[in-house]
């Protein structure tokens, strides 16, 4: 199970609440170590609500929990935080801001849960 998507990142209320509680709190970890995906994409990949997924970009990788989101098929949303930062390249292409939107990402099961996370 592996598929390419486009990832956008942003702020959420839960992420902000967790941030105010502290970056080392469970609330912050739960609010930022997740990704939202369209239900039909979850079905196509055989993913249930709360399943673990492995995300890989050219810049890095992260294991997070998947949740159903009201998104177009092929698009993922992830709250900003340490997991998202591992996926975002520091290159700004002279803009001064990293690419937080429209990031190509590959989704697979985490290593050790069936398929190994490989390029593709």
PDB file of N, CA and C in Angstrom:
ATOM      1  N   UNK A   1       0.849  -1.174   0.000  1.00  0.00           N
ATOM      2  CA  UNK A   1       0.000   0.000   0.000  1.00  0.00           C
ATOM      3  C   UNK A   1       0.894   1.235   0.000  1.00  0.00           C
ATOM      4  N   UNK A   2       0.834   1.975  -1.075  1.00  0.00           N
ATOM      5  CA  UNK A   2       1.617   3.200  -1.182  1.00  0.00           C
ATOM      6  C   UNK A   2       0.953   4.081  -2.226  1.00  0.00           C
ATOM      7  N   UNK A   3       0.841   5.363  -1.939  1.00  0.00           N
ATOM      8  CA  UNK A   3       0.214   6.270  -2.893  1.00  0.00           C
ATOM      9  C   UNK A   3       0.767   7.671  -2.698  1.00  0.00           C
ATOM     10  N   UNK A   4       0.825   8.427  -3.796  1.00  0.00           N
ATOM     11  CA  UNK A   4       1.282   9.820  -3.734  1.00  0.00           C
ATOM     12  C   UNK A   4       0.099  10.759  -3.546  1.00  0.00           C
ATOM     13  N   UNK A   5       0.326  11.794  -2.736  1.00  0.00           N
ATOM     14  CA  UNK A   5      -0.666  12.815  -2.446  1.00  0.00           C
ATOM     15  C   UNK A   5       0.000  14.181  -2.500  1.00  0.00           C
ATOM     16  N   UNK A   6      -0.797  15.228  -2.313  1.00  0.00           N
ATOM     17  CA  UNK A   6      -0.313  16.591  -2.126  1.00  0.00           C
ATOM     18  C   UNK A   6      -0.648  16.960  -0.680  1.00  0.00           C
ATOM     19  N   UNK A   7       0.310  17.525   0.025  1.00  0.00           N
ATOM     20  CA  UNK A   7       0.151  17.871   1.436  1.00  0.00           C
ATOM     21  C   UNK A   7       0.124  19.379   1.623  1.00  0.00           C
ATOM     22  N   UNK A   8      -0.826  19.841   2.430  1.00  0.00           N
ATOM     23  CA  UNK A   8      -0.833  21.224   2.899  1.00  0.00           C
ATOM     24  C   UNK A   8      -0.750  21.181   4.420  1.00  0.00           C
ATOM     25  N   UNK A   9      -0.068  22.149   5.001  1.00  0.00           N
ATOM     26  CA  UNK A   9       0.050  22.241   6.449  1.00  0.00           C
ATOM     27  C   UNK A   9      -0.574  23.545   6.910  1.00  0.00           C
ATOM     28  N   UNK A  10      -0.930  23.604   8.172  1.00  0.00           N
ATOM     29  CA  UNK A  10      -1.517  24.830   8.702  1.00  0.00           C
ATOM     30  C   UNK A  10      -1.776  24.718  10.185  1.00  0.00           C
ATOM     31  N   UNK A  11      -2.314  25.766  10.722  1.00  0.00           N
ATOM     32  CA  UNK A  11      -2.652  25.821  12.146  1.00  0.00           C
ATOM     33  C   UNK A  11      -4.047  25.244  12.383  1.00  0.00           C
ATOM     34  N   UNK A  12      -4.240  24.650  13.549  1.00  0.00           N
ATOM     35  CA  UNK A  12      -5.561  24.188  13.965  1.00  0.00           C
ATOM     36  C   UNK A  12      -5.802  24.650  15.400  1.00  0.00           C
ATOM     37  N   UNK A  13      -7.038  24.619  15.806  1.00  0.00           N
ATOM     38  CA  UNK A  13      -7.366  25.000  17.181  1.00  0.00           C
ATOM     39  C   UNK A  13      -6.714  24.041  18.179  1.00  0.00           C
ATOM     40  N   UNK A  14      -6.765  22.732  17.898  1.00  0.00           N
ATOM     41  CA  UNK A  14      -6.151  21.751  18.799  1.00  0.00           C
ATOM     42  C   UNK A  14      -4.640  21.935  18.878  1.00  0.00           C
ATOM     43  N   UNK A  15      -4.031  22.249  17.745  1.00  0.00           N
ATOM     44  CA  UNK A  15      -2.586  22.480  17.722  1.00  0.00           C
ATOM     45  C   UNK A  15      -2.240  23.702  18.570  1.00  0.00           C
ATOM     46  N   UNK A  16      -2.998  24.767  18.437  1.00  0.00           N
ATOM     47  CA  UNK A  16      -2.757  25.989  19.222  1.00  0.00           C
ATOM     48  C   UNK A  16      -2.973  25.737  20.709  1.00  0.00           C
ATOM     49  N   UNK A  17      -4.044  24.995  21.045  1.00  0.00           N
ATOM     50  CA  UNK A  17      -4.318  24.665  22.444  1.00  0.00           C
ATOM     51  C   UNK A  17      -3.178  23.833  23.023  1.00  0.00           C
ATOM     52  N   UNK A  18      -2.732  22.828  22.264  1.00  0.00           N
ATOM     53  CA  UNK A  18      -1.621  22.003  22.721  1.00  0.00           C
ATOM     54  C   UNK A  18      -0.344  22.806  22.888  1.00  0.00           C
ATOM     55  N   UNK A  19      -0.111  23.742  21.975  1.00  0.00           N
ATOM     56  CA  UNK A  19       1.073  24.589  22.042  1.00  0.00           C
ATOM     57  C   UNK A  19       1.072  25.412  23.330  1.00  0.00           C
ATOM     58  N   UNK A  20      -0.086  25.949  23.701  1.00  0.00           N
ATOM     59  CA  UNK A  20      -0.174  26.749  24.928  1.00  0.00           C
ATOM     60  C   UNK A  20      -0.012  25.892  26.177  1.00  0.00           C
ATOM     61  N   UNK A  21      -0.372  24.621  26.089  1.00  0.00           N
ATOM     62  CA  UNK A  21      -0.176  23.708  27.228  1.00  0.00           C
ATOM     63  C   UNK A  21       1.288  23.303  27.361  1.00  0.00           C
ATOM     64  N   UNK A  22       2.003  23.352  26.242  1.00  0.00           N
ATOM     65  CA  UNK A  22       3.425  23.017  26.234  1.00  0.00           C
ATOM     66  C   UNK A  22       3.751  22.027  25.141  1.00  0.00           C
ATOM     67  N   UNK A  23       4.870  22.251  24.462  1.00  0.00           N
ATOM     68  CA  UNK A  23       5.258  21.394  23.339  1.00  0.00           C
ATOM     69  C   UNK A  23       5.591  19.970  23.756  1.00  0.00           C
ATOM     70  N   UNK A  24       5.794  19.739  25.029  1.00  0.00           N
ATOM     71  CA  UNK A  24       6.109  18.391  25.498  1.00  0.00           C
ATOM     72  C   UNK A  24       4.891  17.660  26.051  1.00  0.00           C
ATOM     73  N   UNK A  25       3.712  18.255  25.911  1.00  0.00           N
ATOM     74  CA  UNK A  25       2.511  17.626  26.462  1.00  0.00           C
ATOM     75  C   UNK A  25       1.903  16.625  25.482  1.00  0.00           C
ATOM     76  N   UNK A  26       1.141  15.698  26.016  1.00  0.00           N
ATOM     77  CA  UNK A  26       0.427  14.718  25.201  1.00  0.00           C
ATOM     78  C   UNK A  26      -0.584  15.406  24.290  1.00  0.00           C
ATOM     79  N   UNK A  27      -1.210  16.473  24.771  1.00  0.00           N
ATOM     80  CA  UNK A  27      -2.190  17.211  23.960  1.00  0.00           C
ATOM     81  C   UNK A  27      -1.535  17.767  22.700  1.00  0.00           C
ATOM     82  N   UNK A  28      -0.342  18.306  22.827  1.00  0.00           N
ATOM     83  CA  UNK A  28       0.361  18.854  21.661  1.00  0.00           C
ATOM     84  C   UNK A  28       0.784  17.738  20.716  1.00  0.00           C
ATOM     85  N   UNK A  29       1.290  16.636  21.273  1.00  0.00           N
ATOM     86  CA  UNK A  29       1.712  15.514  20.434  1.00  0.00           C
ATOM     87  C   UNK A  29       0.529  14.979  19.629  1.00  0.00           C
ATOM     88  N   UNK A  30      -0.595  14.761  20.274  1.00  0.00           N
ATOM     89  CA  UNK A  30      -1.772  14.240  19.569  1.00  0.00           C
ATOM     90  C   UNK A  30      -2.291  15.220  18.519  1.00  0.00           C
ATOM     91  N   UNK A  31      -2.189  16.499  18.799  1.00  0.00           N
ATOM     92  CA  UNK A  31      -2.698  17.517  17.873  1.00  0.00           C
ATOM     93  C   UNK A  31      -1.805  17.710  16.653  1.00  0.00           C
ATOM     94  N   UNK A  32      -0.537  17.319  16.752  1.00  0.00           N
ATOM     95  CA  UNK A  32       0.389  17.579  15.646  1.00  0.00           C
ATOM     96  C   UNK A  32       0.911  16.326  14.952  1.00  0.00           C
ATOM     97  N   UNK A  33       0.774  15.175  15.554  1.00  0.00           N
ATOM     98  CA  UNK A  33       1.257  13.936  14.932  1.00  0.00           C
ATOM     99  C   UNK A  33       0.105  13.216  14.244  1.00  0.00           C
ATOM    100  N   UNK A  34      -0.551  13.932  13.343  1.00  0.00           N
ATOM    101  CA  UNK A  34      -1.700  13.379  12.637  1.00  0.00           C
ATOM    102  C   UNK A  34      -1.799  13.997  11.247  1.00  0.00           C
ATOM    103  N   UNK A  35      -2.578  13.344  10.403  1.00  0.00           N
ATOM    104  CA  UNK A  35      -2.827  13.840   9.055  1.00  0.00           C
ATOM    105  C   UNK A  35      -4.289  13.560   8.721  1.00  0.00           C
ATOM    106  N   UNK A  36      -4.924  14.488   8.032  1.00  0.00           N
ATOM    107  CA  UNK A  36      -6.306  14.300   7.587  1.00  0.00           C
ATOM    108  C   UNK A  36      -6.298  13.863   6.128  1.00  0.00           C
ATOM    109  N   UNK A  37      -7.217  12.914   5.820  1.00  0.00           N
ATOM    110  CA  UNK A  37      -7.296  12.343   4.478  1.00  0.00           C
ATOM    111  C   UNK A  37      -8.764  12.132   4.112  1.00  0.00           C
ATOM    112  N   UNK A  38      -9.070  12.278   2.839  1.00  0.00           N
ATOM    113  CA  UNK A  38     -10.403  12.025   2.307  1.00  0.00           C
ATOM    114  C   UNK A  38     -10.788  10.563   2.580  1.00  0.00           C
ATOM    115  N   UNK A  39     -12.061  10.327   2.937  1.00  0.00           N
ATOM    116  CA  UNK A  39     -12.511   8.975   3.269  1.00  0.00           C
ATOM    117  C   UNK A  39     -12.327   8.002   2.107  1.00  0.00           C
ATOM    118  N   UNK A  40     -12.584   8.431   0.883  1.00  0.00           N
ATOM    119  CA  UNK A  40     -12.412   7.511  -0.258  1.00  0.00           C
ATOM    120  C   UNK A  40     -10.940   7.128  -0.443  1.00  0.00           C
ATOM    121  N   UNK A  41     -10.022   8.041  -0.161  1.00  0.00           N
ATOM    122  CA  UNK A  41      -8.588   7.708  -0.221  1.00  0.00           C
ATOM    123  C   UNK A  41      -8.227   6.727   0.890  1.00  0.00           C
ATOM    124  N   UNK A  42      -8.797   6.935   2.083  1.00  0.00           N
ATOM    125  CA  UNK A  42      -8.549   6.002   3.184  1.00  0.00           C
ATOM    126  C   UNK A  42      -9.059   4.612   2.814  1.00  0.00           C
ATOM    127  N   UNK A  43     -10.255   4.547   2.234  1.00  0.00           N
ATOM    128  CA  UNK A  43     -10.823   3.260   1.828  1.00  0.00           C
ATOM    129  C   UNK A  43      -9.946   2.581   0.785  1.00  0.00           C
ATOM    130  N   UNK A  44      -9.475   3.345  -0.203  1.00  0.00           N
ATOM    131  CA  UNK A  44      -8.645   2.789  -1.273  1.00  0.00           C
ATOM    132  C   UNK A  44      -7.333   2.220  -0.733  1.00  0.00           C
ATOM    133  N   UNK A  45      -6.834   2.816   0.345  1.00  0.00           N
ATOM    134  CA  UNK A  45      -5.587   2.350   0.954  1.00  0.00           C
ATOM    135  C   UNK A  45      -5.825   1.345   2.078  1.00  0.00           C
ATOM    136  N   UNK A  46      -7.086   1.050   2.372  1.00  0.00           N
ATOM    137  CA  UNK A  46      -7.413   0.102   3.438  1.00  0.00           C
ATOM    138  C   UNK A  46      -7.108   0.631   4.818  1.00  0.00           C
ATOM    139  N   UNK A  47      -7.274   1.943   5.007  1.00  0.00           N
ATOM    140  CA  UNK A  47      -6.963   2.574   6.289  1.00  0.00           C
ATOM    141  C   UNK A  47      -8.220   2.860   7.082  1.00  0.00           C
ATOM    142  N   UNK A  48      -8.184   2.544   8.360  1.00  0.00           N
ATOM    143  CA  UNK A  48      -9.265   2.884   9.277  1.00  0.00           C
ATOM    144  C   UNK A  48      -8.915   4.170  10.010  1.00  0.00           C
ATOM    145  N   UNK A  49      -9.913   4.830  10.549  1.00  0.00           N
ATOM    146  CA  UNK A  49      -9.711   6.011  11.388  1.00  0.00           C
ATOM    147  C   UNK A  49      -8.721   5.672  12.497  1.00  0.00           C
ATOM    148  N   UNK A  50      -7.700   6.504  12.657  1.00  0.00           N
ATOM    149  CA  UNK A  50      -6.716   6.305  13.721  1.00  0.00           C
ATOM    150  C   UNK A  50      -5.568   5.375  13.370  1.00  0.00           C
ATOM    151  N   UNK A  51      -5.530   4.883  12.124  1.00  0.00           N
ATOM    152  CA  UNK A  51      -4.437   3.999  11.709  1.00  0.00           C
ATOM    153  C   UNK A  51      -3.125   4.775  11.617  1.00  0.00           C
ATOM    154  N   UNK A  52      -2.034   4.058  11.799  1.00  0.00           N
ATOM    155  CA  UNK A  52      -0.709   4.656  11.647  1.00  0.00           C
ATOM    156  C   UNK A  52      -0.328   4.662  10.173  1.00  0.00           C
ATOM    157  N   UNK A  53       0.248   5.770   9.709  1.00  0.00           N
ATOM    158  CA  UNK A  53       0.752   5.864   8.340  1.00  0.00           C
ATOM    159  C   UNK A  53       2.147   6.475   8.363  1.00  0.00           C
ATOM    160  N   UNK A  54       2.899   6.162   7.326  1.00  0.00           N
ATOM    161  CA  UNK A  54       4.248   6.691   7.151  1.00  0.00           C
ATOM    162  C   UNK A  54       4.187   7.692   6.009  1.00  0.00           C
ATOM    163  N   UNK A  55       4.615   8.923   6.257  1.00  0.00           N
ATOM    164  CA  UNK A  55       4.658   9.968   5.239  1.00  0.00           C
ATOM    165  C   UNK A  55       6.104  10.207   4.854  1.00  0.00           C
ATOM    166  N   UNK A  56       6.347  10.327   3.535  1.00  0.00           N
ATOM    167  CA  UNK A  56       7.709  10.580   3.059  1.00  0.00           C
ATOM    168  C   UNK A  56       7.673  11.660   1.986  1.00  0.00           C
ATOM    169  N   UNK A  57       8.559  12.634   2.134  1.00  0.00           N
ATOM    170  CA  UNK A  57       8.774  13.665   1.117  1.00  0.00           C
ATOM    171  C   UNK A  57      10.246  13.630   0.734  1.00  0.00           C
ATOM    172  N   UNK A  58      10.635  14.468  -0.200  1.00  0.00           N
ATOM    173  CA  UNK A  58      12.052  14.557  -0.555  1.00  0.00           C
ATOM    174  C   UNK A  58      12.889  15.057   0.617  1.00  0.00           C
ATOM    175  N   UNK A  59      12.273  15.778   1.552  1.00  0.00           N
ATOM    176  CA  UNK A  59      12.998  16.367   2.677  1.00  0.00           C
ATOM    177  C   UNK A  59      13.090  15.453   3.891  1.00  0.00           C
ATOM    178  N   UNK A  60      12.141  14.532   4.067  1.00  0.00           N
ATOM    179  CA  UNK A  60      12.158  13.699   5.263  1.00  0.00           C
ATOM    180  C   UNK A  60      10.945  12.801   5.365  1.00  0.00           C
ATOM    181  N   UNK A  61      10.739  12.259   6.564  1.00  0.00           N
ATOM    182  CA  UNK A  61       9.655  11.311   6.780  1.00  0.00           C
ATOM    183  C   UNK A  61       9.129  11.409   8.207  1.00  0.00           C
ATOM    184  N   UNK A  62       7.894  10.930   8.392  1.00  0.00           N
ATOM    185  CA  UNK A  62       7.273  10.960   9.713  1.00  0.00           C
ATOM    186  C   UNK A  62       6.187   9.888   9.783  1.00  0.00           C
ATOM    187  N   UNK A  63       6.041   9.272  10.948  1.00  0.00           N
ATOM    188  CA  UNK A  63       4.947   8.344  11.212  1.00  0.00           C
ATOM    189  C   UNK A  63       3.899   9.087  12.030  1.00  0.00           C
ATOM    190  N   UNK A  64       2.661   9.083  11.540  1.00  0.00           N
ATOM    191  CA  UNK A  64       1.569   9.820  12.174  1.00  0.00           C
ATOM    192  C   UNK A  64       0.291   8.992  12.139  1.00  0.00           C
ATOM    193  N   UNK A  65      -0.746   9.510  12.751  1.00  0.00           N
ATOM    194  CA  UNK A  65      -2.066   8.889  12.767  1.00  0.00           C
ATOM    195  C   UNK A  65      -2.940   9.544  11.701  1.00  0.00           C
ATOM    196  N   UNK A  66      -3.729   8.732  10.994  1.00  0.00           N
ATOM    197  CA  UNK A  66      -4.593   9.278   9.943  1.00  0.00           C
ATOM    198  C   UNK A  66      -6.020   9.447  10.472  1.00  0.00           C
ATOM    199  N   UNK A  67      -6.637  10.555  10.074  1.00  0.00           N
ATOM    200  CA  UNK A  67      -8.029  10.852  10.433  1.00  0.00           C
ATOM    201  C   UNK A  67      -8.783  11.289   9.185  1.00  0.00           C
ATOM    202  N   UNK A  68     -10.066  11.003   9.163  1.00  0.00           N
ATOM    203  CA  UNK A  68     -10.907  11.404   8.037  1.00  0.00           C
ATOM    204  C   UNK A  68     -11.061  12.918   8.048  1.00  0.00           C
ATOM    205  N   UNK A  69     -10.893  13.509   6.888  1.00  0.00           N
ATOM    206  CA  UNK A  69     -11.053  14.950   6.749  1.00  0.00           C
ATOM    207  C   UNK A  69     -11.939  15.272   5.569  1.00  0.00           C
ATOM    208  N   UNK A  70     -12.554  16.426   5.597  1.00  0.00           N
ATOM    209  CA  UNK A  70     -13.392  16.899   4.485  1.00  0.00           C
ATOM    210  C   UNK A  70     -12.478  17.570   3.458  1.00  0.00           C
ATOM    211  N   UNK A  71     -11.786  16.743   2.696  1.00  0.00           N
ATOM    212  CA  UNK A  71     -10.797  17.213   1.728  1.00  0.00           C
ATOM    213  C   UNK A  71     -11.067  16.584   0.375  1.00  0.00           C
ATOM    214  N   UNK A  72     -10.642  17.235  -0.700  1.00  0.00           N
ATOM    215  CA  UNK A  72     -10.724  16.597  -2.016  1.00  0.00           C
ATOM    216  C   UNK A  72      -9.815  15.369  -2.048  1.00  0.00           C
ATOM    217  N   UNK A  73     -10.178  14.394  -2.851  1.00  0.00           N
ATOM    218  CA  UNK A  73      -9.345  13.207  -3.021  1.00  0.00           C
ATOM    219  C   UNK A  73      -7.953  13.622  -3.506  1.00  0.00           C
ATOM    220  N   UNK A  74      -6.934  13.005  -2.936  1.00  0.00           N
ATOM    221  CA  UNK A  74      -5.558  13.294  -3.333  1.00  0.00           C
ATOM    222  C   UNK A  74      -4.882  14.374  -2.514  1.00  0.00           C
ATOM    223  N   UNK A  75      -5.629  15.036  -1.620  1.00  0.00           N
ATOM    224  CA  UNK A  75      -5.078  16.115  -0.800  1.00  0.00           C
ATOM    225  C   UNK A  75      -5.049  15.695   0.663  1.00  0.00           C
ATOM    226  N   UNK A  76      -3.956  16.005   1.356  1.00  0.00           N
ATOM    227  CA  UNK A  76      -3.817  15.741   2.785  1.00  0.00           C
ATOM    228  C   UNK A  76      -3.631  17.061   3.514  1.00  0.00           C
ATOM    229  N   UNK A  77      -4.094  17.111   4.766  1.00  0.00           N
ATOM    230  CA  UNK A  77      -3.846  18.269   5.625  1.00  0.00           C
ATOM    231  C   UNK A  77      -3.158  17.791   6.886  1.00  0.00           C
ATOM    232  N   UNK A  78      -2.133  18.539   7.317  1.00  0.00           N
ATOM    233  CA  UNK A  78      -1.393  18.208   8.531  1.00  0.00           C
ATOM    234  C   UNK A  78      -1.152  19.467   9.345  1.00  0.00           C
ATOM    235  N   UNK A  79      -1.459  19.426  10.652  1.00  0.00           N
ATOM    236  CA  UNK A  79      -1.166  20.588  11.500  1.00  0.00           C
ATOM    237  C   UNK A  79       0.342  20.829  11.591  1.00  0.00           C
ATOM    238  N   UNK A  80       0.723  22.087  11.660  1.00  0.00           N
ATOM    239  CA  UNK A  80       2.129  22.427  11.834  1.00  0.00           C
ATOM    240  C   UNK A  80       2.616  21.917  13.190  1.00  0.00           C
ATOM    241  N   UNK A  81       3.837  21.446  13.215  1.00  0.00           N
ATOM    242  CA  UNK A  81       4.442  20.917  14.429  1.00  0.00           C
ATOM    243  C   UNK A  81       5.676  20.122  14.054  1.00  0.00           C
ATOM    244  N   UNK A  82       6.279  19.432  15.019  1.00  0.00           N
ATOM    245  CA  UNK A  82       7.518  18.696  14.761  1.00  0.00           C
ATOM    246  C   UNK A  82       7.403  17.655  13.638  1.00  0.00           C
ATOM    247  N   UNK A  83       6.305  16.915  13.574  1.00  0.00           N
ATOM    248  CA  UNK A  83       6.160  15.899  12.520  1.00  0.00           C
ATOM    249  C   UNK A  83       6.107  16.556  11.143  1.00  0.00           C
ATOM    250  N   UNK A  84       5.326  17.621  11.004  1.00  0.00           N
ATOM    251  CA  UNK A  84       5.250  18.331   9.721  1.00  0.00           C
ATOM    252  C   UNK A  84       6.593  18.937   9.354  1.00  0.00           C
ATOM    253  N   UNK A  85       7.306  19.460  10.346  1.00  0.00           N
ATOM    254  CA  UNK A  85       8.610  20.072  10.078  1.00  0.00           C
ATOM    255  C   UNK A  85       9.607  19.069   9.506  1.00  0.00           C
ATOM    256  N   UNK A  86       9.468  17.790   9.883  1.00  0.00           N
ATOM    257  CA  UNK A  86      10.370  16.770   9.342  1.00  0.00           C
ATOM    258  C   UNK A  86      10.124  16.533   7.856  1.00  0.00           C
ATOM    259  N   UNK A  87       8.974  16.954   7.343  1.00  0.00           N
ATOM    260  CA  UNK A  87       8.609  16.729   5.940  1.00  0.00           C
ATOM    261  C   UNK A  87       8.912  17.920   5.037  1.00  0.00           C
ATOM    262  N   UNK A  88       9.184  19.073   5.630  1.00  0.00           N
ATOM    263  CA  UNK A  88       9.317  20.320   4.879  1.00  0.00           C
ATOM    264  C   UNK A  88      10.787  20.659   4.663  1.00  0.00           C
ATOM    265  N   UNK A  89      11.155  20.876   3.424  1.00  0.00           N
ATOM    266  CA  UNK A  89      12.521  21.231   3.057  1.00  0.00           C
ATOM    267  C   UNK A  89      12.820  22.646   3.549  1.00  0.00           C
ATOM    268  N   UNK A  90      14.053  22.865   3.993  1.00  0.00           N
ATOM    269  CA  UNK A  90      14.431  24.192   4.476  1.00  0.00           C
ATOM    270  C   UNK A  90      14.699  25.165   3.329  1.00  0.00           C
ATOM    271  N   UNK A  91      14.813  24.657   2.119  1.00  0.00           N
ATOM    272  CA  UNK A  91      15.036  25.512   0.948  1.00  0.00           C
ATOM    273  C   UNK A  91      13.820  26.415   0.739  1.00  0.00           C
ATOM    274  N   UNK A  92      14.052  27.706   0.587  1.00  0.00           N
ATOM    275  CA  UNK A  92      12.947  28.654   0.432  1.00  0.00           C
ATOM    276  C   UNK A  92      12.802  29.196  -0.983  1.00  0.00           C
ATOM    277  N   UNK A  93      13.695  28.820  -1.880  1.00  0.00           N
ATOM    278  CA  UNK A  93      13.672  29.293  -3.258  1.00  0.00           C
ATOM    279  C   UNK A  93      13.610  30.824  -3.319  1.00  0.00           C
ATOM    280  N   UNK A  94      14.396  31.458  -2.451  1.00  0.00           N
ATOM    281  CA  UNK A  94      14.559  32.913  -2.376  1.00  0.00           C
ATOM    282  C   UNK A  94      13.322  33.648  -1.877  1.00  0.00           C
ATOM    283  N   UNK A  95      12.344  32.930  -1.300  1.00  0.00           N
ATOM    284  CA  UNK A  95      11.148  33.590  -0.777  1.00  0.00           C
ATOM    285  C   UNK A  95      11.269  33.909   0.703  1.00  0.00           C
ATOM    286  N   UNK A  96      12.170  33.213   1.399  1.00  0.00           N
ATOM    287  CA  UNK A  96      12.296  33.395   2.835  1.00  0.00           C
ATOM    288  C   UNK A  96      11.335  32.518   3.628  1.00  0.00           C
ATOM    289  N   UNK A  97      10.470  31.779   2.951  1.00  0.00           N
ATOM    290  CA  UNK A  97       9.491  30.916   3.612  1.00  0.00           C
ATOM    291  C   UNK A  97       9.558  29.513   3.015  1.00  0.00           C
ATOM    292  N   UNK A  98       9.686  28.484   3.851  1.00  0.00           N
ATOM    293  CA  UNK A  98       9.675  27.119   3.328  1.00  0.00           C
ATOM    294  C   UNK A  98       8.340  26.781   2.657  1.00  0.00           C
ATOM    295  N   UNK A  99       8.334  25.715   1.904  1.00  0.00           N
ATOM    296  CA  UNK A  99       7.146  25.284   1.163  1.00  0.00           C
ATOM    297  C   UNK A  99       6.211  24.503   2.096  1.00  0.00           C
ATOM    298  N   UNK A 100       5.226  25.167   2.652  1.00  0.00           N
ATOM    299  CA  UNK A 100       4.264  24.552   3.568  1.00  0.00           C
ATOM    300  C   UNK A 100       3.012  24.044   2.849  1.00  0.00           C
ATOM    301  N   UNK A 101       2.846  24.373   1.586  1.00  0.00           N
ATOM    302  CA  UNK A 101       1.649  24.019   0.828  1.00  0.00           C
ATOM    303  C   UNK A 101       2.040  23.262  -0.437  1.00  0.00           C
ATOM    304  N   UNK A 102       1.117  22.410  -0.907  1.00  0.00           N
ATOM    305  CA  UNK A 102       1.279  21.689  -2.175  1.00  0.00           C
ATOM    306  C   UNK A 102       2.572  20.877  -2.219  1.00  0.00           C
ATOM    307  N   UNK A 103       2.847  20.166  -1.142  1.00  0.00           N
ATOM    308  CA  UNK A 103       4.055  19.378  -1.018  1.00  0.00           C
ATOM    309  C   UNK A 103       3.782  17.938  -1.470  1.00  0.00           C
ATOM    310  N   UNK A 104       4.531  17.408  -2.455  1.00  0.00           N
ATOM    311  CA  UNK A 104       4.338  16.010  -2.838  1.00  0.00           C
ATOM    312  C   UNK A 104       4.725  15.089  -1.680  1.00  0.00           C
ATOM    313  N   UNK A 105       3.877  14.122  -1.369  1.00  0.00           N
ATOM    314  CA  UNK A 105       4.134  13.206  -0.259  1.00  0.00           C
ATOM    315  C   UNK A 105       3.659  11.804  -0.629  1.00  0.00           C
ATOM    316  N   UNK A 106       4.421  10.818  -0.204  1.00  0.00           N
ATOM    317  CA  UNK A 106       4.060   9.425  -0.410  1.00  0.00           C
ATOM    318  C   UNK A 106       3.550   8.865   0.920  1.00  0.00           C
ATOM    319  N   UNK A 107       2.417   8.161   0.875  1.00  0.00           N
ATOM    320  CA  UNK A 107       1.813   7.572   2.071  1.00  0.00           C
ATOM    321  C   UNK A 107       1.940   6.060   1.986  1.00  0.00           C
ATOM    322  N   UNK A 108       2.404   5.441   3.076  1.00  0.00           N
ATOM    323  CA  UNK A 108       2.480   3.989   3.170  1.00  0.00           C
ATOM    324  C   UNK A 108       2.279   3.596   4.631  1.00  0.00           C
ATOM    325  N   UNK A 109       2.221   2.312   4.874  1.00  0.00           N
ATOM    326  CA  UNK A 109       2.169   1.841   6.263  1.00  0.00           C
ATOM    327  C   UNK A 109       3.550   2.033   6.883  1.00  0.00           C
ATOM    328  N   UNK A 110       3.616   2.265   8.196  1.00  0.00           N
ATOM    329  CA  UNK A 110       4.929   2.404   8.833  1.00  0.00           C
ATOM    330  C   UNK A 110       5.758   1.130   8.664  1.00  0.00           C
ATOM    331  N   UNK A 111       7.077   1.283   8.633  1.00  0.00           N
ATOM    332  CA  UNK A 111       7.973   0.121   8.536  1.00  0.00           C
ATOM    333  C   UNK A 111       7.649  -0.818   9.693  1.00  0.00           C
ATOM    334  N   UNK A 112       7.557  -2.099   9.371  1.00  0.00           N
ATOM    335  CA  UNK A 112       7.216  -3.090  10.396  1.00  0.00           C
ATOM    336  C   UNK A 112       5.745  -3.444  10.388  1.00  0.00           C
ATOM    337  N   UNK A 113       4.928  -2.717   9.614  1.00  0.00           N
ATOM    338  CA  UNK A 113       3.496  -3.005   9.517  1.00  0.00           C
ATOM    339  C   UNK A 113       3.166  -3.377   8.076  1.00  0.00           C
ATOM    340  N   UNK A 114       3.715  -4.476   7.626  1.00  0.00           N
ATOM    341  CA  UNK A 114       3.439  -4.913   6.268  1.00  0.00           C
ATOM    342  C   UNK A 114       4.541  -4.460   5.345  1.00  0.00           C
ATOM    343  N   UNK A 115       4.247  -3.484   4.517  1.00  0.00           N
ATOM    344  CA  UNK A 115       5.163  -2.987   3.495  1.00  0.00           C
ATOM    345  C   UNK A 115       6.220  -2.063   4.074  1.00  0.00           C
ATOM    346  N   UNK A 116       7.430  -2.175   3.607  1.00  0.00           N
ATOM    347  CA  UNK A 116       8.484  -1.240   4.014  1.00  0.00           C
ATOM    348  C   UNK A 116       8.253   0.083   3.299  1.00  0.00           C
ATOM    349  N   UNK A 117       8.620   1.159   3.950  1.00  0.00           N
ATOM    350  CA  UNK A 117       8.484   2.494   3.356  1.00  0.00           C
ATOM    351  C   UNK A 117       9.654   2.693   2.402  1.00  0.00           C
ATOM    352  N   UNK A 118       9.360   2.676   1.103  1.00  0.00           N
ATOM    353  CA  UNK A 118      10.399   2.855   0.105  1.00  0.00           C
ATOM    354  C   UNK A 118      10.009   3.991  -0.807  1.00  0.00           C
ATOM    355  N   UNK A 119      10.928   4.426  -1.635  1.00  0.00           N
ATOM    356  CA  UNK A 119      10.627   5.496  -2.579  1.00  0.00           C
ATOM    357  C   UNK A 119       9.553   5.027  -3.548  1.00  0.00           C
ATOM    358  N   UNK A 120       8.746   5.976  -3.993  1.00  0.00           N
ATOM    359  CA  UNK A 120       7.743   5.626  -4.990  1.00  0.00           C
ATOM    360  C   UNK A 120       6.610   6.463  -4.846  1.00  0.00           C
TER     361      UNK A 120
END
